[in-house]
C-alpha cells in the first residue's frame, strides 16, 4: 500500500478534489493507495511514512520522500501532468522515484 499526503491550508475542497484524482489514477494503474488530506493550520505533524507529499504551499523540508508542489491543482493548469508525475513516483519500486 502506497501512502500519499496532500497538505495545505484553507484549500480543503481543492485537496479533496486532488485526492480523488490521485485515487482514480491509482485505481486505473492498479496501485493500492491511501491518500491522506491534512490541514497544516490545524496541526503541523501529519504523520510519517509517506511515499510522496503534495504540498499546496511551501512547507516541508528534508523529507525522506519526494515533495511536490500541488499548485497545479489550485490553478487547474498542469493537473494531468502532476497526476502522471505522482503515479510515476508511486510505481517506482522504492516508492521514492528511484529504481
N, C-alpha and C. Protein backbone atom coordinates (compact mmCIF):
# COMPACT_ATOMS: atom_id res chain seq x y z
N UNK A 1 0.85 -1.18 0.00
CA UNK A 1 0.00 0.00 0.00
C UNK A 1 0.90 1.24 0.00
N UNK A 2 0.69 2.11 -0.96
CA UNK A 2 1.42 3.37 -1.04
C UNK A 2 0.69 4.42 -0.23
N UNK A 3 1.44 5.35 0.34
CA UNK A 3 0.84 6.42 1.15
C UNK A 3 1.17 7.78 0.53
N UNK A 4 0.12 8.55 0.30
CA UNK A 4 0.25 9.90 -0.28
C UNK A 4 -0.32 10.89 0.72
N UNK A 5 0.41 11.99 0.92
CA UNK A 5 -0.07 13.08 1.76
C UNK A 5 -0.33 14.29 0.88
N UNK A 6 -1.51 14.86 1.02
CA UNK A 6 -1.82 16.15 0.40
C UNK A 6 -2.00 17.11 1.57
N UNK A 7 -1.13 18.11 1.65
CA UNK A 7 -1.13 19.02 2.79
C UNK A 7 -1.29 20.45 2.32
N UNK A 8 -2.12 21.19 3.02
CA UNK A 8 -2.35 22.59 2.69
C UNK A 8 -3.04 23.30 3.83
N UNK A 9 -3.69 24.38 3.48
CA UNK A 9 -4.35 25.18 4.50
C UNK A 9 -5.83 25.32 4.23
N UNK A 10 -6.21 26.47 3.72
CA UNK A 10 -7.62 26.78 3.53
C UNK A 10 -8.17 26.31 2.19
N UNK A 11 -7.46 25.41 1.54
CA UNK A 11 -7.89 24.90 0.23
C UNK A 11 -8.42 23.47 0.37
N UNK A 12 -9.23 23.25 1.37
CA UNK A 12 -9.74 21.91 1.66
C UNK A 12 -10.46 21.25 0.50
N UNK A 13 -11.33 21.99 -0.18
CA UNK A 13 -12.07 21.42 -1.31
C UNK A 13 -11.11 21.03 -2.43
N UNK A 14 -10.10 21.86 -2.66
CA UNK A 14 -9.10 21.56 -3.69
C UNK A 14 -8.31 20.31 -3.31
N UNK A 15 -7.95 20.16 -2.05
CA UNK A 15 -7.21 18.98 -1.62
C UNK A 15 -8.05 17.72 -1.78
N UNK A 16 -9.35 17.80 -1.47
CA UNK A 16 -10.23 16.64 -1.64
C UNK A 16 -10.37 16.27 -3.11
N UNK A 17 -10.47 17.27 -3.99
CA UNK A 17 -10.54 17.02 -5.42
C UNK A 17 -9.25 16.38 -5.92
N UNK A 18 -8.12 16.86 -5.43
CA UNK A 18 -6.83 16.29 -5.81
C UNK A 18 -6.72 14.84 -5.34
N UNK A 19 -7.17 14.58 -4.14
CA UNK A 19 -7.14 13.21 -3.61
C UNK A 19 -7.95 12.28 -4.50
N UNK A 20 -9.12 12.74 -4.93
CA UNK A 20 -9.96 11.91 -5.79
C UNK A 20 -9.28 11.62 -7.12
N UNK A 21 -8.64 12.62 -7.71
CA UNK A 21 -7.94 12.42 -8.98
C UNK A 21 -6.79 11.43 -8.83
N UNK A 22 -6.07 11.53 -7.72
CA UNK A 22 -4.95 10.61 -7.47
C UNK A 22 -5.48 9.20 -7.24
N UNK A 23 -6.54 9.07 -6.44
CA UNK A 23 -7.13 7.75 -6.19
C UNK A 23 -7.64 7.12 -7.48
N UNK A 24 -8.29 7.90 -8.33
CA UNK A 24 -8.80 7.38 -9.60
C UNK A 24 -7.66 6.91 -10.50
N UNK A 25 -6.60 7.70 -10.59
CA UNK A 25 -5.45 7.32 -11.42
C UNK A 25 -4.76 6.08 -10.87
N UNK A 26 -4.68 5.98 -9.55
CA UNK A 26 -4.07 4.79 -8.94
C UNK A 26 -4.93 3.56 -9.20
N UNK A 27 -6.23 3.71 -9.13
CA UNK A 27 -7.14 2.60 -9.41
C UNK A 27 -6.95 2.10 -10.84
N UNK A 28 -6.87 3.04 -11.78
CA UNK A 28 -6.65 2.68 -13.18
C UNK A 28 -5.31 1.97 -13.37
N UNK A 29 -4.29 2.40 -12.61
CA UNK A 29 -2.96 1.81 -12.71
C UNK A 29 -2.75 0.63 -11.78
N UNK A 30 -3.81 0.21 -11.11
CA UNK A 30 -3.76 -0.93 -10.19
C UNK A 30 -2.73 -0.73 -9.08
N UNK A 31 -2.71 0.49 -8.55
CA UNK A 31 -1.82 0.83 -7.43
C UNK A 31 -2.69 0.96 -6.19
N UNK A 32 -2.38 0.20 -5.18
CA UNK A 32 -3.11 0.34 -3.91
C UNK A 32 -2.56 1.57 -3.20
N UNK A 33 -3.45 2.47 -2.82
CA UNK A 33 -3.01 3.74 -2.26
C UNK A 33 -3.93 4.19 -1.14
N UNK A 34 -3.33 4.87 -0.18
CA UNK A 34 -4.09 5.58 0.86
C UNK A 34 -3.68 7.04 0.74
N UNK A 35 -4.64 7.92 0.47
CA UNK A 35 -4.37 9.35 0.35
C UNK A 35 -4.90 10.04 1.60
N UNK A 36 -4.00 10.74 2.28
CA UNK A 36 -4.39 11.49 3.47
C UNK A 36 -4.40 12.97 3.11
N UNK A 37 -5.49 13.65 3.45
CA UNK A 37 -5.60 15.10 3.29
C UNK A 37 -5.40 15.71 4.67
N UNK A 38 -4.47 16.68 4.75
CA UNK A 38 -4.11 17.24 6.05
C UNK A 38 -4.10 18.76 6.01
N UNK A 39 -4.79 19.37 6.96
CA UNK A 39 -4.81 20.82 7.10
C UNK A 39 -3.67 21.24 8.03
N UNK A 40 -2.67 21.91 7.46
CA UNK A 40 -1.50 22.32 8.25
C UNK A 40 -1.80 23.43 9.23
N UNK A 41 -2.94 24.11 9.08
CA UNK A 41 -3.32 25.13 10.05
C UNK A 41 -3.77 24.49 11.36
N UNK A 42 -4.27 23.25 11.27
CA UNK A 42 -4.75 22.56 12.47
C UNK A 42 -3.64 21.82 13.20
N UNK A 43 -2.68 21.30 12.44
CA UNK A 43 -1.57 20.55 13.04
C UNK A 43 -0.40 20.54 12.07
N UNK A 44 0.79 20.77 12.59
CA UNK A 44 1.98 20.74 11.74
C UNK A 44 2.53 19.34 11.56
N UNK A 45 2.01 18.36 12.30
CA UNK A 45 2.52 16.99 12.18
C UNK A 45 1.48 16.10 11.52
N UNK A 46 1.67 15.79 10.23
CA UNK A 46 0.69 14.97 9.52
C UNK A 46 0.94 13.46 9.65
N UNK A 47 2.02 13.07 10.29
CA UNK A 47 2.40 11.66 10.35
C UNK A 47 3.65 11.45 9.53
N UNK A 48 3.96 10.19 9.28
CA UNK A 48 5.19 9.89 8.54
C UNK A 48 4.99 8.63 7.72
N UNK A 49 6.02 8.27 6.97
CA UNK A 49 5.98 7.06 6.16
C UNK A 49 5.30 7.23 4.82
N UNK A 50 5.26 8.46 4.31
CA UNK A 50 4.61 8.71 3.03
C UNK A 50 5.56 8.41 1.88
N UNK A 51 4.99 7.96 0.76
CA UNK A 51 5.77 7.71 -0.45
C UNK A 51 5.94 8.98 -1.27
N UNK A 52 5.01 9.90 -1.13
CA UNK A 52 5.08 11.20 -1.79
C UNK A 52 4.21 12.18 -1.02
N UNK A 53 4.67 13.43 -0.98
CA UNK A 53 3.92 14.50 -0.32
C UNK A 53 3.62 15.57 -1.38
N UNK A 54 2.36 15.98 -1.43
CA UNK A 54 1.95 17.08 -2.29
C UNK A 54 1.61 18.24 -1.37
N UNK A 55 2.37 19.32 -1.49
CA UNK A 55 2.15 20.48 -0.62
C UNK A 55 1.51 21.60 -1.42
N UNK A 56 0.46 22.18 -0.86
CA UNK A 56 -0.25 23.27 -1.53
C UNK A 56 0.46 24.60 -1.34
N UNK A 57 1.29 24.69 -0.32
CA UNK A 57 2.19 25.83 -0.15
C UNK A 57 3.48 25.28 0.42
N UNK A 58 4.57 26.00 0.20
CA UNK A 58 5.88 25.50 0.62
C UNK A 58 5.90 25.35 2.14
N UNK A 59 6.17 24.12 2.57
CA UNK A 59 6.16 23.83 4.00
C UNK A 59 7.21 22.80 4.38
N UNK A 60 7.30 21.72 3.64
CA UNK A 60 8.15 20.58 4.02
C UNK A 60 9.60 20.78 3.58
N UNK A 61 10.51 20.34 4.45
CA UNK A 61 11.94 20.39 4.15
C UNK A 61 12.58 19.09 4.62
N UNK A 62 13.55 18.61 3.88
CA UNK A 62 14.35 17.44 4.28
C UNK A 62 13.52 16.20 4.55
N UNK A 63 12.51 15.96 3.72
CA UNK A 63 11.69 14.76 3.86
C UNK A 63 12.37 13.59 3.17
N UNK A 64 12.16 12.37 3.64
CA UNK A 64 12.78 11.20 3.02
C UNK A 64 12.07 10.75 1.75
N UNK A 65 11.02 11.46 1.34
CA UNK A 65 10.28 11.12 0.13
C UNK A 65 10.18 12.36 -0.75
N UNK A 66 9.79 12.18 -2.01
CA UNK A 66 9.60 13.35 -2.87
C UNK A 66 8.51 14.28 -2.33
N UNK A 67 8.76 15.58 -2.44
CA UNK A 67 7.78 16.60 -2.07
C UNK A 67 7.50 17.40 -3.34
N UNK A 68 6.23 17.45 -3.72
CA UNK A 68 5.83 18.05 -4.99
C UNK A 68 4.85 19.19 -4.72
N UNK A 69 4.99 20.26 -5.46
CA UNK A 69 4.04 21.38 -5.35
C UNK A 69 2.68 20.96 -5.89
N UNK A 70 1.64 21.26 -5.14
CA UNK A 70 0.28 20.98 -5.56
C UNK A 70 -0.39 22.15 -6.25
N UNK A 71 0.38 23.19 -6.57
CA UNK A 71 -0.21 24.38 -7.18
C UNK A 71 -0.98 24.11 -8.48
N UNK A 72 -0.57 23.13 -9.30
CA UNK A 72 -1.39 22.87 -10.49
C UNK A 72 -2.85 22.50 -10.15
N UNK A 73 -3.07 21.89 -8.99
CA UNK A 73 -4.45 21.59 -8.59
C UNK A 73 -5.20 22.88 -8.24
N UNK A 74 -4.50 23.86 -7.71
CA UNK A 74 -5.12 25.14 -7.35
C UNK A 74 -5.42 25.96 -8.60
N UNK A 75 -4.46 25.98 -9.53
CA UNK A 75 -4.60 26.80 -10.73
C UNK A 75 -5.36 26.11 -11.85
N UNK A 76 -5.55 24.80 -11.74
CA UNK A 76 -6.23 23.99 -12.76
C UNK A 76 -5.48 24.01 -14.09
N UNK A 77 -4.18 24.17 -14.02
CA UNK A 77 -3.32 24.06 -15.20
C UNK A 77 -2.20 23.10 -14.85
N UNK A 78 -2.03 22.07 -15.65
CA UNK A 78 -0.98 21.10 -15.41
C UNK A 78 -1.40 19.98 -14.46
N UNK A 79 -2.70 19.85 -14.21
CA UNK A 79 -3.18 18.80 -13.29
C UNK A 79 -2.85 17.40 -13.80
N UNK A 80 -3.12 17.15 -15.09
CA UNK A 80 -2.87 15.83 -15.65
C UNK A 80 -1.40 15.47 -15.56
N UNK A 81 -0.54 16.43 -15.85
CA UNK A 81 0.90 16.18 -15.77
C UNK A 81 1.33 15.89 -14.33
N UNK A 82 0.75 16.62 -13.40
CA UNK A 82 1.07 16.41 -11.99
C UNK A 82 0.62 15.03 -11.53
N UNK A 83 -0.58 14.63 -11.89
CA UNK A 83 -1.06 13.29 -11.52
C UNK A 83 -0.16 12.23 -12.14
N UNK A 84 0.25 12.43 -13.40
CA UNK A 84 1.17 11.49 -14.05
C UNK A 84 2.49 11.39 -13.28
N UNK A 85 3.02 12.53 -12.84
CA UNK A 85 4.27 12.54 -12.07
C UNK A 85 4.10 11.76 -10.76
N UNK A 86 2.98 11.95 -10.10
CA UNK A 86 2.71 11.25 -8.83
C UNK A 86 2.62 9.75 -9.07
N UNK A 87 1.92 9.35 -10.12
CA UNK A 87 1.78 7.92 -10.44
C UNK A 87 3.14 7.31 -10.77
N UNK A 88 3.95 8.04 -11.50
CA UNK A 88 5.30 7.56 -11.83
C UNK A 88 6.11 7.31 -10.56
N UNK A 89 6.03 8.21 -9.61
CA UNK A 89 6.74 8.03 -8.34
C UNK A 89 6.20 6.81 -7.59
N UNK A 90 4.88 6.66 -7.57
CA UNK A 90 4.28 5.56 -6.83
C UNK A 90 4.56 4.20 -7.47
N UNK A 91 4.77 4.18 -8.79
CA UNK A 91 5.06 2.93 -9.48
C UNK A 91 6.51 2.50 -9.30
N UNK A 92 7.38 3.42 -8.92
CA UNK A 92 8.80 3.10 -8.75
C UNK A 92 8.94 2.08 -7.62
N UNK A 93 9.82 1.10 -7.79
CA UNK A 93 9.96 0.04 -6.78
C UNK A 93 10.24 0.54 -5.36
N UNK A 94 11.04 1.57 -5.24
CA UNK A 94 11.37 2.06 -3.91
C UNK A 94 10.32 3.01 -3.36
N UNK A 95 9.41 3.47 -4.23
CA UNK A 95 8.38 4.40 -3.80
C UNK A 95 8.87 5.83 -3.73
N UNK A 96 10.16 6.05 -4.03
CA UNK A 96 10.69 7.40 -3.99
C UNK A 96 11.28 7.82 -5.33
N UNK A 97 10.73 7.28 -6.38
CA UNK A 97 11.13 7.71 -7.70
C UNK A 97 12.39 7.04 -8.24
N UNK A 98 13.03 6.21 -7.43
CA UNK A 98 14.24 5.53 -7.86
C UNK A 98 13.97 4.16 -8.41
N UNK A 99 15.04 3.53 -8.90
CA UNK A 99 14.92 2.17 -9.44
C UNK A 99 15.07 1.13 -8.37
